[in-house]
Amino acid sequence: MRSPYAAVKEVMGEIGGAIIAITLVMVSVFIPVSFMTGPVGVFYRQFSITMAGSIIISGVVALTLTPCLRHADEAARYTEEDESWTASSTGSTAGSNDSPGAMWPS
């Protein structure tokens, strides 16, 4: 069984490209709107800049903070002695709120 770090690293290698591609495509949709002229351009300029900024921040969080939090959650339940997961990581607590693992069912 892999360590939590290796598992998160493998998954981020698989979906990292998709996250970057989606972020770039969505930002490229909103950036041209900020260059519109006339009263419509004035109205939509703030909207497009806000959306593009929010999408960029979301992409950065998806590539950095989310994997770190997932690793911390899994590392707390991982034991290196027998390289196994505790009972809470098998999804048995997915319906209860007494464990951090309940947020991410297996």
C-alpha atoms as a PDB file:
ATOM      1  CA  MET A   1       0.000   0.000   0.000  1.00  0.00           C
ATOM      2  CA  ARG A   2       1.251   3.478  -0.864  1.00  0.00           C
ATOM      3  CA  SER A   3       1.881   6.217   1.637  1.00  0.00           C
ATOM      4  CA  PRO A   4      -0.536   9.180   1.657  1.00  0.00           C
ATOM      5  CA  TYR A   5       2.152  11.402   0.133  1.00  0.00           C
ATOM      6  CA  ALA A   6       2.712   9.009  -2.776  1.00  0.00           C
ATOM      7  CA  ALA A   7      -1.033   8.654  -3.346  1.00  0.00           C
ATOM      8  CA  VAL A   8      -1.621  12.421  -3.439  1.00  0.00           C
ATOM      9  CA  LYS A   9       1.414  12.927  -5.682  1.00  0.00           C
ATOM     10  CA  GLU A  10       0.155  10.275  -8.123  1.00  0.00           C
ATOM     11  CA  VAL A  11      -3.344  11.742  -8.271  1.00  0.00           C
ATOM     12  CA  MET A  12      -2.076  15.300  -8.754  1.00  0.00           C
ATOM     13  CA  GLY A  13       0.099  14.059 -11.616  1.00  0.00           C
ATOM     14  CA  GLU A  14      -3.011  12.657 -13.256  1.00  0.00           C
ATOM     15  CA  ILE A  15      -5.394  15.590 -12.805  1.00  0.00           C
ATOM     16  CA  GLY A  16      -2.981  18.531 -12.613  1.00  0.00           C
ATOM     17  CA  GLY A  17      -3.000  19.036 -16.372  1.00  0.00           C
ATOM     18  CA  ALA A  18      -6.782  19.052 -16.481  1.00  0.00           C
ATOM     19  CA  ILE A  19      -6.969  21.648 -13.704  1.00  0.00           C
ATOM     20  CA  ILE A  20      -4.489  23.894 -15.514  1.00  0.00           C
ATOM     21  CA  ALA A  21      -6.295  23.483 -18.856  1.00  0.00           C
ATOM     22  CA  ILE A  22      -9.727  24.258 -17.413  1.00  0.00           C
ATOM     23  CA  THR A  23      -8.356  27.294 -15.569  1.00  0.00           C
ATOM     24  CA  LEU A  24      -6.693  28.689 -18.692  1.00  0.00           C
ATOM     25  CA  VAL A  25      -9.750  28.106 -20.897  1.00  0.00           C
ATOM     26  CA  MET A  26     -12.121  29.766 -18.430  1.00  0.00           C
ATOM     27  CA  VAL A  27      -9.798  32.748 -17.925  1.00  0.00           C
ATOM     28  CA  SER A  28      -9.405  33.120 -21.692  1.00  0.00           C
ATOM     29  CA  VAL A  29     -13.181  33.405 -21.966  1.00  0.00           C
ATOM     30  CA  PHE A  30     -13.485  36.256 -19.461  1.00  0.00           C
ATOM     31  CA  ILE A  31     -10.359  38.314 -20.242  1.00  0.00           C
ATOM     32  CA  PRO A  32     -11.560  39.552 -23.691  1.00  0.00           C
ATOM     33  CA  VAL A  33     -14.782  40.803 -22.112  1.00  0.00           C
ATOM     34  CA  SER A  34     -12.733  43.343 -20.131  1.00  0.00           C
ATOM     35  CA  PHE A  35     -11.640  44.972 -23.414  1.00  0.00           C
ATOM     36  CA  MET A  36     -15.162  45.689 -24.674  1.00  0.00           C
ATOM     37  CA  THR A  37     -15.905  49.337 -25.380  1.00  0.00           C
ATOM     38  CA  GLY A  38     -18.931  51.505 -24.771  1.00  0.00           C
ATOM     39  CA  PRO A  39     -21.418  51.304 -21.928  1.00  0.00           C
ATOM     40  CA  VAL A  40     -21.537  47.501 -22.133  1.00  0.00           C
ATOM     41  CA  GLY A  41     -17.760  47.347 -21.701  1.00  0.00           C
ATOM     42  CA  VAL A  42     -17.887  49.590 -18.658  1.00  0.00           C
ATOM     43  CA  PHE A  43     -20.585  47.434 -17.115  1.00  0.00           C
ATOM     44  CA  TYR A  44     -18.889  44.075 -17.792  1.00  0.00           C
ATOM     45  CA  ARG A  45     -15.265  45.104 -17.142  1.00  0.00           C
ATOM     46  CA  GLN A  46     -15.478  44.657 -13.360  1.00  0.00           C
ATOM     47  CA  PHE A  47     -17.374  41.406 -13.789  1.00  0.00           C
ATOM     48  CA  SER A  48     -14.806  39.894 -16.142  1.00  0.00           C
ATOM     49  CA  ILE A  49     -11.813  40.909 -14.028  1.00  0.00           C
ATOM     50  CA  THR A  50     -13.483  39.521 -10.905  1.00  0.00           C
ATOM     51  CA  MET A  51     -14.337  36.235 -12.613  1.00  0.00           C
ATOM     52  CA  ALA A  52     -10.862  35.819 -14.124  1.00  0.00           C
ATOM     53  CA  GLY A  53      -9.214  36.553 -10.766  1.00  0.00           C
ATOM     54  CA  SER A  54     -11.499  34.146  -8.939  1.00  0.00           C
ATOM     55  CA  ILE A  55     -10.836  31.380 -11.444  1.00  0.00           C
ATOM     56  CA  ILE A  56      -7.074  31.861 -11.178  1.00  0.00           C
ATOM     57  CA  ILE A  57      -7.225  31.751  -7.378  1.00  0.00           C
ATOM     58  CA  SER A  58      -9.408  28.640  -7.546  1.00  0.00           C
ATOM     59  CA  GLY A  59      -6.900  26.925  -9.838  1.00  0.00           C
ATOM     60  CA  VAL A  60      -4.005  27.758  -7.520  1.00  0.00           C
ATOM     61  CA  VAL A  61      -5.922  26.420  -4.505  1.00  0.00           C
ATOM     62  CA  ALA A  62      -6.840  23.249  -6.409  1.00  0.00           C
ATOM     63  CA  LEU A  63      -3.176  22.633  -7.239  1.00  0.00           C
ATOM     64  CA  THR A  64      -1.651  23.538  -3.862  1.00  0.00           C
ATOM     65  CA  LEU A  65      -3.856  23.777  -0.786  1.00  0.00           C
ATOM     66  CA  THR A  66      -6.365  21.000  -1.502  1.00  0.00           C
ATOM     67  CA  PRO A  67      -3.734  18.252  -2.003  1.00  0.00           C
ATOM     68  CA  CYS A  68      -1.890  19.387   1.136  1.00  0.00           C
ATOM     69  CA  LEU A  69      -5.064  19.208   3.217  1.00  0.00           C
ATOM     70  CA  ARG A  70      -5.915  15.790   1.797  1.00  0.00           C
ATOM     71  CA  HIS A  71      -2.416  14.528   2.584  1.00  0.00           C
ATOM     72  CA  ALA A  72      -2.670  15.821   6.147  1.00  0.00           C
ATOM     73  CA  ASP A  73      -6.038  14.116   6.587  1.00  0.00           C
ATOM     74  CA  GLU A  74      -4.806  10.778   5.255  1.00  0.00           C
ATOM     75  CA  ALA A  75      -1.435  10.956   7.045  1.00  0.00           C
ATOM     76  CA  ALA A  76      -3.204  11.233  10.394  1.00  0.00           C
ATOM     77  CA  ARG A  77      -4.827   7.840   9.798  1.00  0.00           C
ATOM     78  CA  TYR A  78      -1.910   6.060   8.127  1.00  0.00           C
ATOM     79  CA  THR A  79       0.365   3.755  10.122  1.00  0.00           C
ATOM     80  CA  GLU A  80       3.772   2.980   8.686  1.00  0.00           C
ATOM     81  CA  GLU A  81       4.379  -0.111  10.820  1.00  0.00           C
ATOM     82  CA  ASP A  82       1.975  -2.287   8.866  1.00  0.00           C
ATOM     83  CA  GLU A  83       1.433   0.205   6.000  1.00  0.00           C
ATOM     84  CA  SER A  84      -2.291   0.048   6.363  1.00  0.00           C
ATOM     85  CA  TRP A  85      -5.127   2.463   6.869  1.00  0.00           C
ATOM     86  CA  THR A  86      -7.178   2.664  10.021  1.00  0.00           C
ATOM     87  CA  ALA A  87     -10.827   1.639  10.008  1.00  0.00           C
ATOM     88  CA  SER A  88     -12.005   5.216   9.508  1.00  0.00           C
ATOM     89  CA  SER A  89     -10.383   5.416   6.077  1.00  0.00           C
ATOM     90  CA  THR A  90     -12.407   2.522   4.669  1.00  0.00           C
ATOM     91  CA  GLY A  91     -15.553   4.614   4.402  1.00  0.00           C
ATOM     92  CA  SER A  92     -17.201   3.116   7.474  1.00  0.00           C
ATOM     93  CA  THR A  93     -17.601   6.580   9.016  1.00  0.00           C
ATOM     94  CA  ALA A  94     -18.808   8.285   5.858  1.00  0.00           C
ATOM     95  CA  GLY A  95     -22.209   8.949   7.388  1.00  0.00           C
ATOM     96  CA  SER A  96     -20.991  10.453  10.650  1.00  0.00           C
ATOM     97  CA  ASN A  97     -19.389  13.782  11.426  1.00  0.00           C
ATOM     98  CA  ASP A  98     -17.123  12.617  14.254  1.00  0.00           C
ATOM     99  CA  SER A  99     -14.116  12.101  11.988  1.00  0.00           C
ATOM    100  CA  PRO A 100     -12.334  14.354   9.477  1.00  0.00           C
ATOM    101  CA  GLY A 101     -12.526  11.457   7.016  1.00  0.00           C
ATOM    102  CA  ALA A 102     -16.299  11.867   6.879  1.00  0.00           C
ATOM    103  CA  MET A 103     -15.797  14.885   4.607  1.00  0.00           C
ATOM    104  CA  TRP A 104     -14.255  12.724   1.864  1.00  0.00           C
ATOM    105  CA  PRO A 105     -15.912   9.326   1.575  1.00  0.00           C
ATOM    106  CA  SER A 106     -13.671   6.654   0.116  1.00  0.00           C
END
